[in-house]
Amino acid sequence: MNETANVHGAETERDTRRWWTLAVFAYVALEGAGLQMRGAVIPELRTTFGAPDWQLGLVAPAGTLGYLLVVMLVGAVASHFDTRRLLLVGFVGTGVGIFFMGVAPSFLLFLSALAGRGLFTGVGRGTDRPLLSHLYPAQRGRLFSYYDMMWAVGATLGPALVAAAVWLGDWRLAYFTLGLAFVPLVGLVWYLPTPTVDGGDDTLDMAELRRIGRQPEVLATAVTLFLSAGVEGGLFTWLTTFADGRLSGPLATASLSIMLAAYIPGRLASGRLSERFGYARLGLVQAALLVPAFLYTFFFAEGQRCLPASSSSGWCCRGCTRRCWPTGPRPSPSTAPRSTPSPRSPPPPGSPPSRPPWAF
């Protein structure tokens, strides 16, 4: 009798774990779509609100600063709070923020909704990775790869959703559709029981953090992540605007989706190559290839040649970032961070989009 009850309890726990994994993957896909829509919609914001270039330059910081602060805080204290409630707050707030971006009657209110969405996204993203880490303690690497893959799928669909909405006549339809897509996800999380997250990583005090921060591997990883995230953030925010003057309207709007679509096979190839050649060596090669790919894309490529060139730049940049995750924590694996995805560094506020602002 006890054995039957134990087997039933184990099966129930596995089912619950699968449903929570599905919820996390769905959220990161929807959030990735919302993140990448902001770059694709910039030309429409200029037309709808008459916003000058310096105001359009505030789009990336408005969506990033609140996210950065909250995701770091929540990622550090997530294990001390009810995971289900944190995720509900993050999921509901992200969906509502995206919906209100679509109904905003002015550019200022659009920025306000974007900033609010970033705050709640920080709650969700600061909680979901620690949850996966605890649900699959022996398979973190594989689950984080799937997590990144789902983000890439959503990020690819986001700009395509904007392109479809523009084709239908109103860019706001993209935000309405994505905001409503959060409703079944919130319903699922409301229904699920609180996940079991027993155990955890070693706690870091300031002395230990300083010791780890002085290690060459960690310093090199931090610098690489900072630089690659800055370039990547510029690509995400301004690629559509850059392509707007060089490609036809629909193709320019879809340019970001085309670049992001290259991430999916690129990550699969990078994963296989990293096992053969090593993370650090492959990351160095991709960093070296990024410079000529970037220069060709934004200073020499004309017309439709911008599309494969930008895809190459994005793949090299993303490869640098992803090769750092397994390399940096290696000196102190027991204190590897439980969460947090690197925020996309925004370009300087007010940068004119007529020239790629990250090129300076």
Protein backbone atom coordinates (compact mmCIF):
# COMPACT_ATOMS: atom_id res chain seq x y z
CA MET A 1 0.00 0.00 0.00
CA ASN A 2 2.77 2.38 0.96
CA GLU A 3 4.72 1.47 -2.18
CA THR A 4 1.66 2.23 -4.35
CA ALA A 5 1.22 5.58 -2.62
CA ASN A 6 4.92 6.38 -3.09
CA VAL A 7 4.76 5.51 -6.80
CA HIS A 8 1.63 7.64 -7.23
CA GLY A 9 3.28 10.54 -5.37
CA ALA A 10 6.39 10.31 -7.55
CA GLU A 11 4.27 10.32 -10.72
CA THR A 12 2.31 13.34 -9.49
CA GLU A 13 5.55 15.19 -8.73
CA ARG A 14 6.91 14.42 -12.20
CA ASP A 15 3.71 15.64 -13.82
CA THR A 16 3.82 18.84 -11.78
CA ARG A 17 7.43 19.37 -12.76
CA ARG A 18 6.57 18.95 -16.45
CA TRP A 19 3.72 21.47 -16.22
CA TRP A 20 5.95 24.01 -14.48
CA THR A 21 8.61 23.49 -17.14
CA LEU A 22 5.97 24.09 -19.83
CA ALA A 23 4.83 27.27 -18.05
CA VAL A 24 8.39 28.62 -17.80
CA PHE A 25 9.14 27.84 -21.46
CA ALA A 26 5.88 29.46 -22.58
CA TYR A 27 6.63 32.57 -20.55
CA VAL A 28 10.16 33.00 -21.83
CA ALA A 29 8.91 32.58 -25.43
CA LEU A 30 6.20 35.23 -24.94
CA GLU A 31 8.62 37.55 -23.16
CA GLY A 32 11.17 37.11 -25.95
CA ALA A 33 8.52 38.08 -28.47
CA GLY A 34 7.61 41.18 -26.47
CA LEU A 35 11.25 42.20 -26.10
CA GLN A 36 11.99 42.00 -29.81
CA MET A 37 8.77 43.76 -30.82
CA ARG A 38 10.06 47.02 -29.37
CA GLY A 39 12.78 47.29 -32.02
CA ALA A 40 10.46 46.39 -34.89
CA VAL A 41 7.83 48.93 -33.82
CA ILE A 42 10.13 51.99 -33.61
CA PRO A 43 9.40 53.19 -37.19
CA GLU A 44 5.67 52.94 -36.42
CA LEU A 45 6.10 54.93 -33.20
CA ARG A 46 7.70 57.73 -35.18
CA THR A 47 4.77 57.78 -37.57
CA THR A 48 2.00 57.44 -34.96
CA PHE A 49 3.29 59.79 -32.26
CA GLY A 50 5.62 62.02 -34.28
CA ALA A 51 8.38 61.27 -31.79
CA PRO A 52 11.78 62.77 -32.66
CA ASP A 53 14.90 60.63 -32.79
CA TRP A 54 16.10 61.58 -29.30
CA GLN A 55 12.82 60.33 -27.80
CA LEU A 56 12.94 57.11 -29.79
CA GLY A 57 16.39 56.61 -28.29
CA LEU A 58 14.72 56.23 -24.88
CA VAL A 59 12.88 53.04 -25.87
CA ALA A 60 15.71 50.65 -25.02
CA PRO A 61 16.66 52.23 -21.64
CA ALA A 62 13.00 52.44 -20.57
CA GLY A 63 12.57 48.71 -21.04
CA THR A 64 15.93 47.70 -19.60
CA LEU A 65 16.74 49.74 -16.48
CA GLY A 66 13.83 48.57 -14.33
CA TYR A 67 14.31 45.01 -15.54
CA LEU A 68 18.00 45.09 -14.65
CA LEU A 69 17.42 46.25 -11.09
CA VAL A 70 14.53 43.91 -10.36
CA VAL A 71 15.98 40.77 -11.97
CA MET A 72 19.16 41.10 -9.89
CA LEU A 73 17.21 41.62 -6.67
CA VAL A 74 14.67 38.86 -7.27
CA GLY A 75 17.31 36.43 -8.50
CA ALA A 76 19.22 36.88 -5.25
CA VAL A 77 16.23 36.38 -2.91
CA ALA A 78 13.93 34.15 -4.97
CA SER A 79 14.46 31.11 -2.73
CA HIS A 80 13.11 33.02 0.31
CA PHE A 81 9.66 33.68 -1.21
CA ASP A 82 6.81 31.61 -2.58
CA THR A 83 7.85 30.75 -6.13
CA ARG A 84 4.31 30.40 -7.45
CA ARG A 85 3.29 33.86 -6.21
CA LEU A 86 6.41 35.49 -7.64
CA LEU A 87 5.79 33.90 -11.01
CA LEU A 88 2.14 34.95 -10.96
CA VAL A 89 3.15 38.54 -10.25
CA GLY A 90 5.74 38.46 -13.04
CA PHE A 91 3.47 36.79 -15.59
CA VAL A 92 0.42 38.98 -14.91
CA GLY A 93 2.46 42.20 -14.82
CA THR A 94 4.32 41.39 -18.04
CA GLY A 95 1.12 40.56 -19.92
CA VAL A 96 -0.74 43.64 -18.65
CA GLY A 97 2.24 45.88 -19.47
CA ILE A 98 2.41 44.56 -23.03
CA PHE A 99 -1.35 45.04 -23.49
CA PHE A 100 -1.19 48.64 -22.23
CA MET A 101 1.67 49.39 -24.62
CA GLY A 102 -0.86 48.74 -27.35
CA VAL A 103 -3.52 51.10 -25.95
CA ALA A 104 -1.13 53.93 -25.00
CA PRO A 105 -2.48 57.19 -26.52
CA SER A 106 0.87 59.02 -26.34
CA PHE A 107 4.55 58.22 -26.61
CA LEU A 108 5.11 59.12 -22.94
CA LEU A 109 2.49 56.61 -21.81
CA PHE A 110 3.96 54.03 -24.18
CA LEU A 111 7.34 54.48 -22.48
CA SER A 112 5.68 54.27 -19.05
CA ALA A 113 3.97 51.00 -19.95
CA LEU A 114 7.26 49.70 -21.36
CA ALA A 115 9.08 50.57 -18.13
CA GLY A 116 6.36 48.88 -16.05
CA ARG A 117 6.53 45.80 -18.21
CA GLY A 118 10.31 45.71 -17.65
CA LEU A 119 9.86 45.75 -13.87
CA PHE A 120 7.46 42.79 -13.90
CA THR A 121 9.58 40.96 -16.46
CA GLY A 122 12.45 41.22 -13.98
CA VAL A 123 10.28 39.43 -11.41
CA GLY A 124 9.42 36.65 -13.87
CA ARG A 125 12.89 36.18 -15.32
CA GLY A 126 14.52 36.44 -11.91
CA THR A 127 12.36 33.54 -10.71
CA ASP A 128 12.00 31.16 -13.64
CA ARG A 129 15.65 30.22 -14.06
CA PRO A 130 16.15 29.46 -10.35
CA LEU A 131 13.00 27.32 -10.56
CA LEU A 132 14.41 25.31 -13.48
CA SER A 133 17.70 25.04 -11.62
CA HIS A 134 15.96 23.41 -8.66
CA LEU A 135 13.59 21.24 -10.69
CA TYR A 136 16.47 19.78 -12.71
CA PRO A 137 19.60 20.07 -10.52
CA ALA A 138 21.47 17.39 -12.49
CA GLN A 139 20.38 18.66 -15.92
CA ARG A 140 20.74 22.42 -15.62
CA GLY A 141 22.88 22.82 -18.73
CA ARG A 142 20.46 20.98 -20.99
CA LEU A 143 17.37 22.71 -19.56
CA PHE A 144 18.98 26.14 -19.89
CA SER A 145 19.75 25.33 -23.53
CA TYR A 146 16.07 24.49 -24.09
CA TYR A 147 15.15 27.67 -22.23
CA ASP A 148 17.34 29.75 -24.53
CA MET A 149 15.91 27.95 -27.55
CA MET A 150 12.36 28.86 -26.52
CA TRP A 151 13.42 32.47 -26.04
CA ALA A 152 14.88 32.45 -29.56
CA VAL A 153 11.64 31.05 -31.00
CA GLY A 154 9.58 33.76 -29.33
CA ALA A 155 12.09 36.47 -30.24
CA THR A 156 11.89 35.40 -33.88
CA LEU A 157 8.09 35.55 -33.89
CA GLY A 158 7.87 38.97 -32.18
CA PRO A 159 9.00 41.18 -35.09
CA ALA A 160 7.04 38.95 -37.49
CA LEU A 161 3.94 39.66 -35.39
CA VAL A 162 4.57 43.40 -35.75
CA ALA A 163 5.03 43.00 -39.51
CA ALA A 164 1.70 41.14 -39.73
CA ALA A 165 -0.07 43.81 -37.65
CA VAL A 166 1.35 46.60 -39.85
CA TRP A 167 0.18 44.69 -42.92
CA LEU A 168 -3.31 44.52 -41.38
CA GLY A 169 -3.20 48.26 -40.81
CA ASP A 170 -2.40 48.85 -37.11
CA TRP A 171 0.77 47.98 -35.16
CA ARG A 172 -1.25 47.97 -31.93
CA LEU A 173 -2.82 44.64 -32.92
CA ALA A 174 0.52 42.95 -32.23
CA TYR A 175 0.52 44.12 -28.60
CA PHE A 176 -3.16 43.22 -28.10
CA THR A 177 -2.53 39.70 -29.42
CA LEU A 178 0.58 39.10 -27.35
CA GLY A 179 -0.99 40.52 -24.18
CA LEU A 180 -4.00 38.21 -24.52
CA ALA A 181 -1.67 35.24 -25.05
CA PHE A 182 -0.66 35.56 -21.39
CA VAL A 183 -4.21 34.76 -20.19
CA PRO A 184 -4.02 30.94 -20.57
CA LEU A 185 -0.49 30.97 -19.14
CA VAL A 186 -1.64 32.82 -16.02
CA GLY A 187 -4.53 30.38 -15.72
CA LEU A 188 -2.12 27.44 -15.81
CA VAL A 189 0.13 28.90 -13.11
CA TRP A 190 -2.91 29.74 -10.97
CA TYR A 191 -4.03 26.11 -11.18
CA LEU A 192 -0.63 24.49 -10.50
CA PRO A 193 0.52 23.77 -6.93
CA THR A 194 3.59 25.49 -5.58
CA PRO A 195 6.65 23.63 -6.93
CA THR A 196 9.03 21.83 -4.61
CA VAL A 197 12.39 23.65 -4.59
CA ASP A 198 14.22 22.00 -1.73
CA GLY A 199 17.94 22.56 -1.57
CA GLY A 200 19.92 25.21 -3.40
CA ASP A 201 23.30 26.68 -4.12
CA ASP A 202 25.85 27.87 -1.61
CA THR A 203 25.20 31.30 -0.15
CA LEU A 204 27.65 34.02 -1.13
CA ASP A 205 28.86 36.62 1.35
CA MET A 206 30.72 39.76 0.25
CA ALA A 207 34.17 38.33 1.04
CA GLU A 208 33.51 35.26 -1.10
CA LEU A 209 32.04 37.41 -3.86
CA ARG A 210 35.16 39.59 -3.92
CA ARG A 211 37.40 36.52 -4.04
CA ILE A 212 35.51 35.05 -6.99
CA GLY A 213 35.35 38.42 -8.77
CA ARG A 214 39.16 38.70 -8.77
CA GLN A 215 39.64 35.44 -10.67
CA PRO A 216 40.83 36.03 -14.27
CA GLU A 217 38.23 33.67 -15.75
CA VAL A 218 35.37 35.51 -14.06
CA LEU A 219 36.71 38.95 -14.97
CA ALA A 220 37.16 37.94 -18.61
CA THR A 221 33.66 36.49 -18.69
CA ALA A 222 32.14 39.64 -17.18
CA VAL A 223 33.87 41.93 -19.70
CA THR A 224 32.89 39.71 -22.63
CA LEU A 225 29.28 39.54 -21.49
CA PHE A 226 29.13 43.32 -21.05
CA LEU A 227 30.51 44.05 -24.52
CA SER A 228 28.59 41.35 -26.39
CA ALA A 229 25.32 42.22 -24.62
CA GLY A 230 25.84 45.87 -25.58
CA VAL A 231 26.30 45.03 -29.25
CA GLU A 232 23.42 42.56 -29.15
CA GLY A 233 21.13 45.07 -27.45
CA GLY A 234 21.88 47.58 -30.19
CA LEU A 235 21.07 45.02 -32.86
CA PHE A 236 17.79 44.11 -31.20
CA THR A 237 16.67 47.72 -30.81
CA TRP A 238 17.90 49.46 -33.94
CA LEU A 239 18.28 46.86 -36.70
CA THR A 240 14.76 47.42 -38.03
CA THR A 241 15.24 51.19 -38.08
CA PHE A 242 18.62 50.78 -39.78
CA ALA A 243 17.08 48.50 -42.43
CA ASP A 244 14.11 50.83 -42.96
CA GLY A 245 16.10 53.09 -45.26
CA ARG A 246 17.78 50.26 -47.14
CA LEU A 247 15.03 47.69 -47.72
CA SER A 248 11.37 47.71 -48.69
CA GLY A 249 8.89 48.31 -45.85
CA PRO A 250 7.74 44.72 -45.14
CA LEU A 251 11.26 43.32 -45.53
CA ALA A 252 12.69 45.99 -43.23
CA THR A 253 10.11 45.17 -40.56
CA ALA A 254 10.92 41.47 -40.86
CA SER A 255 14.72 41.99 -40.82
CA LEU A 256 14.98 41.39 -37.07
CA SER A 257 13.01 38.14 -37.33
CA ILE A 258 15.30 37.00 -40.13
CA MET A 259 18.36 37.70 -37.98
CA LEU A 260 16.87 35.97 -34.95
CA ALA A 261 15.82 32.96 -37.02
CA ALA A 262 19.52 32.34 -37.64
CA TYR A 263 19.99 31.98 -33.88
CA ILE A 264 18.14 28.66 -33.75
CA PRO A 265 20.34 26.58 -36.11
CA GLY A 266 23.31 28.68 -34.99
CA ARG A 267 22.86 27.59 -31.38
CA LEU A 268 22.55 23.97 -32.38
CA ALA A 269 25.76 24.21 -34.41
CA SER A 270 27.56 26.10 -31.64
CA GLY A 271 26.53 23.47 -29.08
CA ARG A 272 28.02 20.69 -31.16
CA LEU A 273 31.17 22.62 -32.05
CA SER A 274 31.77 23.67 -28.44
CA GLU A 275 31.85 20.02 -27.38
CA ARG A 276 34.50 19.35 -30.02
CA PHE A 277 36.68 22.45 -29.76
CA GLY A 278 35.93 23.78 -26.27
CA TYR A 279 33.87 26.75 -25.06
CA ALA A 280 36.69 29.27 -24.73
CA ARG A 281 38.30 28.50 -28.09
CA LEU A 282 35.01 28.64 -29.99
CA GLY A 283 34.01 31.86 -28.21
CA LEU A 284 37.33 33.47 -29.21
CA VAL A 285 36.82 32.50 -32.86
CA GLN A 286 33.28 33.92 -32.86
CA ALA A 287 34.49 37.15 -31.24
CA ALA A 288 37.16 37.49 -33.94
CA LEU A 289 34.59 36.90 -36.70
CA LEU A 290 32.17 39.42 -35.14
CA VAL A 291 34.34 42.44 -35.98
CA PRO A 292 34.51 41.98 -39.79
CA ALA A 293 30.89 40.79 -39.91
CA PHE A 294 29.77 43.90 -38.03
CA LEU A 295 31.82 46.28 -40.19
CA TYR A 296 30.55 44.73 -43.41
CA THR A 297 26.91 44.78 -42.26
CA PHE A 298 26.70 48.42 -41.25
CA PHE A 299 29.29 50.13 -43.44
CA PHE A 300 29.55 48.19 -46.71
CA ALA A 301 26.51 45.94 -47.30
CA GLU A 302 23.78 47.33 -49.53
CA GLY A 303 20.21 46.24 -50.13
CA GLN A 304 19.30 42.67 -49.33
CA ARG A 305 22.91 41.82 -48.54
CA CYS A 306 22.26 43.43 -45.17
CA LEU A 307 20.07 40.47 -44.18
CA PRO A 308 22.62 37.60 -44.26
CA ALA A 309 25.31 39.97 -43.01
CA SER A 310 23.27 41.01 -39.96
CA SER A 311 22.41 37.37 -39.28
CA SER A 312 26.12 36.56 -39.22
CA SER A 313 26.79 39.43 -36.82
CA GLY A 314 24.00 38.32 -34.53
CA TRP A 315 25.11 34.70 -34.53
CA CYS A 316 28.72 35.61 -33.70
CA CYS A 317 27.63 37.98 -30.93
CA ARG A 318 25.21 35.49 -29.40
CA GLY A 319 27.85 32.79 -29.63
CA CYS A 320 30.24 34.88 -27.57
CA THR A 321 27.58 35.36 -24.91
CA ARG A 322 26.56 31.72 -24.73
CA ARG A 323 30.12 30.41 -24.65
CA CYS A 324 30.73 32.53 -21.55
CA TRP A 325 28.04 30.92 -19.40
CA PRO A 326 29.79 27.53 -19.08
CA THR A 327 33.26 29.09 -18.84
CA GLY A 328 32.83 31.80 -16.21
CA PRO A 329 31.39 29.77 -13.31
CA ARG A 330 33.91 26.96 -13.75
CA PRO A 331 36.37 28.25 -11.11
CA SER A 332 33.59 28.13 -8.46
CA PRO A 333 30.79 25.89 -9.73
CA SER A 334 29.05 25.55 -6.38
CA THR A 335 28.49 29.30 -6.25
CA ALA A 336 27.41 29.74 -9.85
CA PRO A 337 24.53 32.21 -10.03
CA ARG A 338 21.10 30.66 -9.73
CA SER A 339 19.41 33.03 -12.09
CA THR A 340 19.85 35.62 -14.01
CA PRO A 341 19.81 36.22 -17.74
CA SER A 342 22.09 38.99 -18.88
CA PRO A 343 20.13 42.15 -19.62
CA ARG A 344 20.50 43.53 -23.09
CA SER A 345 22.56 46.68 -22.64
CA PRO A 346 20.70 49.61 -24.22
CA PRO A 347 22.37 52.06 -26.57
CA PRO A 348 22.98 55.52 -25.15
CA PRO A 349 19.71 57.41 -24.58
CA GLY A 350 18.82 59.75 -27.41
CA SER A 351 21.06 58.11 -30.00
CA PRO A 352 19.78 58.96 -33.49
CA PRO A 353 18.68 55.82 -35.33
CA SER A 354 19.75 57.07 -38.75
CA ARG A 355 23.13 55.56 -38.03
CA PRO A 356 23.59 52.46 -35.85
CA PRO A 357 24.18 54.05 -32.41
CA TRP A 358 26.28 51.15 -31.15
CA ALA A 359 28.82 51.74 -33.93
CA PHE A 360 30.39 54.58 -31.97
